[in-house]
PDB file of all heavy atoms in Angstrom:
ATOM      1  N   TYR A   1       0.828  -1.231  -0.016  1.00  0.00           N
ATOM      2  CA  TYR A   1       0.032  -0.034  -0.009  1.00  0.00           C
ATOM      3  C   TYR A   1       0.827   1.245   0.004  1.00  0.00           C
ATOM      4  O   TYR A   1       1.947   1.272   0.606  1.00  0.00           O
ATOM      5  CB  TYR A   1      -0.839  -0.015   1.228  1.00  0.00           C
ATOM      6  CG  TYR A   1      -1.880  -1.174   1.349  1.00  0.00           C
ATOM      7  CD1 TYR A   1      -1.518  -2.227   2.193  1.00  0.00           C
ATOM      8  CD2 TYR A   1      -3.029  -1.184   0.564  1.00  0.00           C
ATOM      9  CE1 TYR A   1      -2.415  -3.291   2.287  1.00  0.00           C
ATOM     10  CE2 TYR A   1      -3.947  -2.258   0.724  1.00  0.00           C
ATOM     11  CZ  TYR A   1      -3.584  -3.311   1.477  1.00  0.00           C
ATOM     12  OH  TYR A   1      -4.438  -4.386   1.606  1.00  0.00           O
ATOM     13  N   ALA A   2       0.317   2.302  -0.645  1.00  0.00           N
ATOM     14  CA  ALA A   2       0.981   3.603  -0.556  1.00  0.00           C
ATOM     15  C   ALA A   2       0.842   4.174   0.864  1.00  0.00           C
ATOM     16  O   ALA A   2      -0.181   3.842   1.556  1.00  0.00           O
ATOM     17  CB  ALA A   2       0.353   4.528  -1.611  1.00  0.00           C
ATOM     18  N   ASP A   3       1.771   4.888   1.345  1.00  0.00           N
ATOM     19  CA  ASP A   3       1.656   5.469   2.656  1.00  0.00           C
ATOM     20  C   ASP A   3       0.465   6.353   2.762  1.00  0.00           C
ATOM     21  O   ASP A   3      -0.146   6.418   3.914  1.00  0.00           O
ATOM     22  CB  ASP A   3       2.913   6.328   2.959  1.00  0.00           C
ATOM     23  CG  ASP A   3       4.209   5.431   3.191  1.00  0.00           C
ATOM     24  OD1 ASP A   3       3.940   4.218   3.471  1.00  0.00           O
ATOM     25  OD2 ASP A   3       5.283   5.979   3.119  1.00  0.00           O
ATOM     26  N   SER A   4       0.059   6.982   1.766  1.00  0.00           N
ATOM     27  CA  SER A   4      -1.115   7.888   1.791  1.00  0.00           C
ATOM     28  C   SER A   4      -2.452   7.160   2.121  1.00  0.00           C
ATOM     29  O   SER A   4      -3.465   7.833   2.555  1.00  0.00           O
ATOM     30  CB  SER A   4      -1.267   8.680   0.511  1.00  0.00           C
ATOM     31  OG  SER A   4      -1.426   7.771  -0.606  1.00  0.00           O
ATOM     32  N   VAL A   5      -2.518   5.835   1.935  1.00  0.00           N
ATOM     33  CA  VAL A   5      -3.717   5.084   2.196  1.00  0.00           C
ATOM     34  C   VAL A   5      -3.581   3.985   3.169  1.00  0.00           C
ATOM     35  O   VAL A   5      -4.511   3.375   3.603  1.00  0.00           O
ATOM     36  CB  VAL A   5      -4.254   4.552   0.838  1.00  0.00           C
ATOM     37  CG1 VAL A   5      -4.598   5.612  -0.197  1.00  0.00           C
ATOM     38  CG2 VAL A   5      -3.311   3.472   0.291  1.00  0.00           C
ATOM     39  N   LYS A   6      -2.356   3.772   3.612  1.00  0.00           N
ATOM     40  CA  LYS A   6      -2.083   2.634   4.515  1.00  0.00           C
ATOM     41  C   LYS A   6      -2.910   2.748   5.763  1.00  0.00           C
ATOM     42  O   LYS A   6      -2.985   3.827   6.337  1.00  0.00           O
ATOM     43  CB  LYS A   6      -0.602   2.572   4.842  1.00  0.00           C
ATOM     44  CG  LYS A   6      -0.109   1.228   5.388  1.00  0.00           C
ATOM     45  CD  LYS A   6       1.413   1.270   5.490  1.00  0.00           C
ATOM     46  CE  LYS A   6       2.100   1.263   4.171  1.00  0.00           C
ATOM     47  NZ  LYS A   6       3.540   1.195   4.256  1.00  0.00           N
ATOM     48  N   GLY A   7      -3.518   1.697   6.160  1.00  0.00           N
ATOM     49  CA  GLY A   7      -4.332   1.728   7.304  1.00  0.00           C
ATOM     50  C   GLY A   7      -5.810   1.999   7.047  1.00  0.00           C
ATOM     51  O   GLY A   7      -6.647   1.876   7.903  1.00  0.00           O
ATOM     52  N   ARG A   8      -6.134   2.532   5.903  1.00  0.00           N
ATOM     53  CA  ARG A   8      -7.468   2.968   5.518  1.00  0.00           C
ATOM     54  C   ARG A   8      -7.963   2.134   4.341  1.00  0.00           C
ATOM     55  O   ARG A   8      -9.148   2.175   4.116  1.00  0.00           O
ATOM     56  CB  ARG A   8      -7.487   4.465   5.152  1.00  0.00           C
ATOM     57  CG  ARG A   8      -6.997   5.338   6.233  1.00  0.00           C
ATOM     58  CD  ARG A   8      -7.236   6.793   5.872  1.00  0.00           C
ATOM     59  NE  ARG A   8      -6.466   7.311   4.682  1.00  0.00           N
ATOM     60  CZ  ARG A   8      -7.002   7.658   3.565  1.00  0.00           C
ATOM     61  NH1 ARG A   8      -8.291   7.723   3.379  1.00  0.00           N
ATOM     62  NH2 ARG A   8      -6.183   8.114   2.515  1.00  0.00           N
ATOM     63  N   VAL A   9      -7.104   1.382   3.672  1.00  0.00           N
ATOM     64  CA  VAL A   9      -7.463   0.680   2.425  1.00  0.00           C
ATOM     65  C   VAL A   9      -7.067  -0.803   2.562  1.00  0.00           C
ATOM     66  O   VAL A   9      -6.008  -1.094   3.151  1.00  0.00           O
ATOM     67  CB  VAL A   9      -6.790   1.309   1.257  1.00  0.00           C
ATOM     68  CG1 VAL A   9      -6.798   0.357   0.032  1.00  0.00           C
ATOM     69  CG2 VAL A   9      -7.443   2.641   0.903  1.00  0.00           C
ATOM     70  N   THR A  10      -7.935  -1.677   2.090  1.00  0.00           N
ATOM     71  CA  THR A  10      -7.655  -3.071   2.027  1.00  0.00           C
ATOM     72  C   THR A  10      -7.890  -3.599   0.655  1.00  0.00           C
ATOM     73  O   THR A  10      -8.982  -3.388   0.022  1.00  0.00           O
ATOM     74  CB  THR A  10      -8.528  -3.851   3.020  1.00  0.00           C
ATOM     75  OG1 THR A  10      -8.316  -3.330   4.354  1.00  0.00           O
ATOM     76  CG2 THR A  10      -8.150  -5.326   3.013  1.00  0.00           C
ATOM     77  N   LEU A  11      -6.884  -4.224   0.103  1.00  0.00           N
ATOM     78  CA  LEU A  11      -7.088  -4.859  -1.284  1.00  0.00           C
ATOM     79  C   LEU A  11      -7.114  -6.329  -1.146  1.00  0.00           C
ATOM     80  O   LEU A  11      -6.335  -6.953  -0.436  1.00  0.00           O
ATOM     81  CB  LEU A  11      -5.760  -4.481  -2.103  1.00  0.00           C
ATOM     82  CG  LEU A  11      -5.744  -4.927  -3.486  1.00  0.00           C
ATOM     83  CD1 LEU A  11      -6.867  -4.391  -4.329  1.00  0.00           C
ATOM     84  CD2 LEU A  11      -4.414  -4.389  -4.171  1.00  0.00           C
ATOM     85  N   SER A  12      -8.053  -6.887  -1.898  1.00  0.00           N
ATOM     86  CA  SER A  12      -8.215  -8.370  -1.901  1.00  0.00           C
ATOM     87  C   SER A  12      -8.516  -8.835  -3.302  1.00  0.00           C
ATOM     88  O   SER A  12      -8.910  -8.016  -4.177  1.00  0.00           O
ATOM     89  CB  SER A  12      -9.344  -8.738  -0.925  1.00  0.00           C
ATOM     90  OG  SER A  12     -10.510  -8.199  -1.313  1.00  0.00           O
ATOM     91  N   ARG A  13      -8.453 -10.119  -3.554  1.00  0.00           N
ATOM     92  CA  ARG A  13      -8.736 -10.618  -4.883  1.00  0.00           C
ATOM     93  C   ARG A  13      -9.352 -12.035  -4.726  1.00  0.00           C
ATOM     94  O   ARG A  13      -9.093 -12.709  -3.752  1.00  0.00           O
ATOM     95  CB  ARG A  13      -7.538 -10.690  -5.802  1.00  0.00           C
ATOM     96  CG  ARG A  13      -6.445 -11.756  -5.364  1.00  0.00           C
ATOM     97  CD  ARG A  13      -5.225 -11.656  -6.221  1.00  0.00           C
ATOM     98  NE  ARG A  13      -5.475 -11.970  -7.606  1.00  0.00           N
ATOM     99  CZ  ARG A  13      -4.662 -11.658  -8.622  1.00  0.00           C
ATOM    100  NH1 ARG A  13      -3.490 -11.021  -8.374  1.00  0.00           N
ATOM    101  NH2 ARG A  13      -4.907 -12.060  -9.859  1.00  0.00           N
ATOM    102  N   ASP A  14     -10.116 -12.368  -5.721  1.00  0.00           N
ATOM    103  CA  ASP A  14     -10.795 -13.705  -5.807  1.00  0.00           C
ATOM    104  C   ASP A  14     -10.501 -14.278  -7.132  1.00  0.00           C
ATOM    105  O   ASP A  14     -11.082 -13.822  -8.104  1.00  0.00           O
ATOM    106  CB  ASP A  14     -12.324 -13.535  -5.523  1.00  0.00           C
ATOM    107  CG  ASP A  14     -13.019 -14.909  -5.421  1.00  0.00           C
ATOM    108  OD1 ASP A  14     -12.446 -15.873  -6.011  1.00  0.00           O
ATOM    109  OD2 ASP A  14     -14.027 -14.946  -4.936  1.00  0.00           O
ATOM    110  N   ASN A  15      -9.510 -15.066  -7.190  1.00  0.00           N
ATOM    111  CA  ASN A  15      -9.130 -15.649  -8.569  1.00  0.00           C
ATOM    112  C   ASN A  15     -10.218 -16.533  -9.182  1.00  0.00           C
ATOM    113  O   ASN A  15     -10.211 -16.674 -10.398  1.00  0.00           O
ATOM    114  CB  ASN A  15      -7.852 -16.369  -8.371  1.00  0.00           C
ATOM    115  CG  ASN A  15      -6.609 -15.445  -8.189  1.00  0.00           C
ATOM    116  OD1 ASN A  15      -6.732 -14.300  -8.481  1.00  0.00           O
ATOM    117  ND2 ASN A  15      -5.531 -16.003  -7.830  1.00  0.00           N
ATOM    118  N   ALA A  16     -11.027 -17.105  -8.399  1.00  0.00           N
ATOM    119  CA  ALA A  16     -12.127 -17.939  -8.969  1.00  0.00           C
ATOM    120  C   ALA A  16     -13.205 -17.039  -9.613  1.00  0.00           C
ATOM    121  O   ALA A  16     -13.853 -17.470 -10.570  1.00  0.00           O
ATOM    122  CB  ALA A  16     -12.806 -18.723  -7.851  1.00  0.00           C
ATOM    123  N   LYS A  17     -13.350 -15.798  -9.215  1.00  0.00           N
ATOM    124  CA  LYS A  17     -14.322 -14.887  -9.740  1.00  0.00           C
ATOM    125  C   LYS A  17     -13.637 -13.848 -10.647  1.00  0.00           C
ATOM    126  O   LYS A  17     -14.405 -12.965 -11.162  1.00  0.00           O
ATOM    127  CB  LYS A  17     -15.152 -14.243  -8.692  1.00  0.00           C
ATOM    128  CG  LYS A  17     -15.947 -15.214  -7.834  1.00  0.00           C
ATOM    129  CD  LYS A  17     -16.730 -14.454  -6.765  1.00  0.00           C
ATOM    130  CE  LYS A  17     -17.616 -15.472  -5.945  1.00  0.00           C
ATOM    131  NZ  LYS A  17     -18.421 -14.790  -4.923  1.00  0.00           N
ATOM    132  N   ASN A  18     -12.363 -13.889 -10.771  1.00  0.00           N
ATOM    133  CA  ASN A  18     -11.636 -12.849 -11.612  1.00  0.00           C
ATOM    134  C   ASN A  18     -11.907 -11.409 -11.179  1.00  0.00           C
ATOM    135  O   ASN A  18     -12.208 -10.556 -11.966  1.00  0.00           O
ATOM    136  CB  ASN A  18     -12.034 -13.062 -13.120  1.00  0.00           C
ATOM    137  CG  ASN A  18     -11.315 -14.163 -13.720  1.00  0.00           C
ATOM    138  OD1 ASN A  18     -10.728 -15.076 -13.060  1.00  0.00           O
ATOM    139  ND2 ASN A  18     -11.372 -14.259 -15.037  1.00  0.00           N
ATOM    140  N   THR A  19     -11.985 -11.224  -9.890  1.00  0.00           N
ATOM    141  CA  THR A  19     -12.210  -9.966  -9.302  1.00  0.00           C
ATOM    142  C   THR A  19     -11.177  -9.458  -8.344  1.00  0.00           C
ATOM    143  O   THR A  19     -10.513 -10.235  -7.625  1.00  0.00           O
ATOM    144  CB  THR A  19     -13.544  -9.840  -8.633  1.00  0.00           C
ATOM    145  OG1 THR A  19     -13.618 -10.824  -7.610  1.00  0.00           O
ATOM    146  CG2 THR A  19     -14.720 -10.102  -9.672  1.00  0.00           C
ATOM    147  N   VAL A  20     -11.009  -8.129  -8.303  1.00  0.00           N
ATOM    148  CA  VAL A  20     -10.187  -7.502  -7.270  1.00  0.00           C
ATOM    149  C   VAL A  20     -10.987  -6.369  -6.573  1.00  0.00           C
ATOM    150  O   VAL A  20     -11.770  -5.741  -7.316  1.00  0.00           O
ATOM    151  CB  VAL A  20      -8.935  -6.871  -7.908  1.00  0.00           C
ATOM    152  CG1 VAL A  20      -8.140  -6.047  -6.957  1.00  0.00           C
ATOM    153  CG2 VAL A  20      -8.032  -7.864  -8.505  1.00  0.00           C
ATOM    154  N   THR A  21     -10.935  -6.353  -5.324  1.00  0.00           N
ATOM    155  CA  THR A  21     -11.688  -5.412  -4.548  1.00  0.00           C
ATOM    156  C   THR A  21     -10.781  -4.424  -3.706  1.00  0.00           C
ATOM    157  O   THR A  21      -9.948  -4.888  -3.015  1.00  0.00           O
ATOM    158  CB  THR A  21     -12.678  -6.073  -3.630  1.00  0.00           C
ATOM    159  OG1 THR A  21     -13.510  -6.923  -4.410  1.00  0.00           O
ATOM    160  CG2 THR A  21     -13.551  -5.113  -2.867  1.00  0.00           C
ATOM    161  N   LEU A  22     -11.147  -3.144  -3.760  1.00  0.00           N
ATOM    162  CA  LEU A  22     -10.423  -2.201  -2.986  1.00  0.00           C
ATOM    163  C   LEU A  22     -11.316  -1.547  -1.968  1.00  0.00           C
ATOM    164  O   LEU A  22     -12.245  -0.726  -2.407  1.00  0.00           O
ATOM    165  CB  LEU A  22      -9.816  -1.089  -3.912  1.00  0.00           C
ATOM    166  CG  LEU A  22      -8.883  -0.101  -3.191  1.00  0.00           C
ATOM    167  CD1 LEU A  22      -7.626  -0.750  -2.753  1.00  0.00           C
ATOM    168  CD2 LEU A  22      -8.631   1.097  -4.172  1.00  0.00           C
ATOM    169  N   GLN A  23     -11.256  -1.899  -0.745  1.00  0.00           N
ATOM    170  CA  GLN A  23     -12.116  -1.386   0.312  1.00  0.00           C
ATOM    171  C   GLN A  23     -11.460  -0.109   0.841  1.00  0.00           C
ATOM    172  O   GLN A  23     -10.390  -0.280   1.415  1.00  0.00           O
ATOM    173  CB  GLN A  23     -12.367  -2.447   1.378  1.00  0.00           C
ATOM    174  CG  GLN A  23     -13.148  -1.873   2.566  1.00  0.00           C
ATOM    175  CD  GLN A  23     -14.657  -1.654   2.239  1.00  0.00           C
ATOM    176  OE1 GLN A  23     -15.274  -2.372   1.477  1.00  0.00           O
ATOM    177  NE2 GLN A  23     -15.171  -0.470   2.642  1.00  0.00           N
ATOM    178  N   MET A  24     -12.132   1.004   0.773  1.00  0.00           N
ATOM    179  CA  MET A  24     -11.523   2.210   1.245  1.00  0.00           C
ATOM    180  C   MET A  24     -12.393   2.792   2.420  1.00  0.00           C
ATOM    181  O   MET A  24     -13.589   2.991   2.196  1.00  0.00           O
ATOM    182  CB  MET A  24     -11.455   3.207   0.150  1.00  0.00           C
ATOM    183  CG  MET A  24     -10.688   2.715  -1.085  1.00  0.00           C
ATOM    184  SD  MET A  24     -10.378   4.015  -2.259  1.00  0.00           S
ATOM    185  CE  MET A  24     -11.995   4.443  -2.826  1.00  0.00           C
ATOM    186  N   ASN A  25     -11.817   2.972   3.458  1.00  0.00           N
ATOM    187  CA  ASN A  25     -12.432   3.580   4.707  1.00  0.00           C
ATOM    188  C   ASN A  25     -11.849   4.822   5.095  1.00  0.00           C
ATOM    189  O   ASN A  25     -10.763   5.212   4.633  1.00  0.00           O
ATOM    190  CB  ASN A  25     -12.382   2.521   5.844  1.00  0.00           C
ATOM    191  CG  ASN A  25     -12.960   1.196   5.527  1.00  0.00           C
ATOM    192  OD1 ASN A  25     -14.021   1.121   4.892  1.00  0.00           O
ATOM    193  ND2 ASN A  25     -12.259   0.139   6.016  1.00  0.00           N
ATOM    194  N   SER A  26     -12.523   5.564   5.959  1.00  0.00           N
ATOM    195  CA  SER A  26     -12.033   6.878   6.517  1.00  0.00           C
ATOM    196  C   SER A  26     -11.532   7.782   5.380  1.00  0.00           C
ATOM    197  O   SER A  26     -10.475   8.355   5.408  1.00  0.00           O
ATOM    198  CB  SER A  26     -10.856   6.610   7.522  1.00  0.00           C
ATOM    199  OG  SER A  26     -11.349   5.816   8.550  1.00  0.00           O
ATOM    200  N   LEU A  27     -12.425   7.858   4.387  1.00  0.00           N
ATOM    201  CA  LEU A  27     -11.967   8.650   3.200  1.00  0.00           C
ATOM    202  C   LEU A  27     -11.877  10.108   3.523  1.00  0.00           C
ATOM    203  O   LEU A  27     -12.508  10.644   4.315  1.00  0.00           O
ATOM    204  CB  LEU A  27     -13.002   8.400   2.045  1.00  0.00           C
ATOM    205  CG  LEU A  27     -12.931   7.086   1.356  1.00  0.00           C
ATOM    206  CD1 LEU A  27     -14.214   6.765   0.577  1.00  0.00           C
ATOM    207  CD2 LEU A  27     -11.730   7.047   0.440  1.00  0.00           C
ATOM    208  N   LYS A  28     -10.898  10.700   2.764  1.00  0.00           N
ATOM    209  CA  LYS A  28     -10.551  12.107   2.967  1.00  0.00           C
ATOM    210  C   LYS A  28     -10.773  12.872   1.588  1.00  0.00           C
ATOM    211  O   LYS A  28     -10.702  12.245   0.567  1.00  0.00           O
ATOM    212  CB  LYS A  28      -9.090  12.311   3.349  1.00  0.00           C
ATOM    213  CG  LYS A  28      -8.679  11.493   4.606  1.00  0.00           C
ATOM    214  CD  LYS A  28      -7.135  11.587   4.845  1.00  0.00           C
ATOM    215  CE  LYS A  28      -6.790  10.827   5.997  1.00  0.00           C
ATOM    216  NZ  LYS A  28      -5.307  10.812   6.274  1.00  0.00           N
ATOM    217  N   PRO A  29     -10.972  14.152   1.632  1.00  0.00           N
ATOM    218  CA  PRO A  29     -11.135  14.870   0.397  1.00  0.00           C
ATOM    219  C   PRO A  29      -9.959  14.708  -0.575  1.00  0.00           C
ATOM    220  O   PRO A  29     -10.195  14.708  -1.755  1.00  0.00           O
ATOM    221  CB  PRO A  29     -11.211  16.317   0.882  1.00  0.00           C
ATOM    222  CG  PRO A  29     -11.863  16.246   2.207  1.00  0.00           C
ATOM    223  CD  PRO A  29     -11.238  14.997   2.806  1.00  0.00           C
ATOM    224  N   GLU A  30      -8.777  14.512  -0.044  1.00  0.00           N
ATOM    225  CA  GLU A  30      -7.560  14.317  -0.873  1.00  0.00           C
ATOM    226  C   GLU A  30      -7.583  12.976  -1.538  1.00  0.00           C
ATOM    227  O   GLU A  30      -6.701  12.715  -2.402  1.00  0.00           O
ATOM    228  CB  GLU A  30      -6.306  14.512  -0.110  1.00  0.00           C
ATOM    229  CG  GLU A  30      -6.184  13.795   1.177  1.00  0.00           C
ATOM    230  CD  GLU A  30      -6.676  14.633   2.452  1.00  0.00           C
ATOM    231  OE1 GLU A  30      -7.635  15.349   2.327  1.00  0.00           O
ATOM    232  OE2 GLU A  30      -5.920  14.500   3.418  1.00  0.00           O
TER     233      GLU A  30
END
């Protein structure tokens, strides 16, 4: 993770479904 998002973002993938998910929390205007 980039430092700018570390601790607020979680990246996961499901190879059976061919998907990648980016969960973003505590979002900021930046």
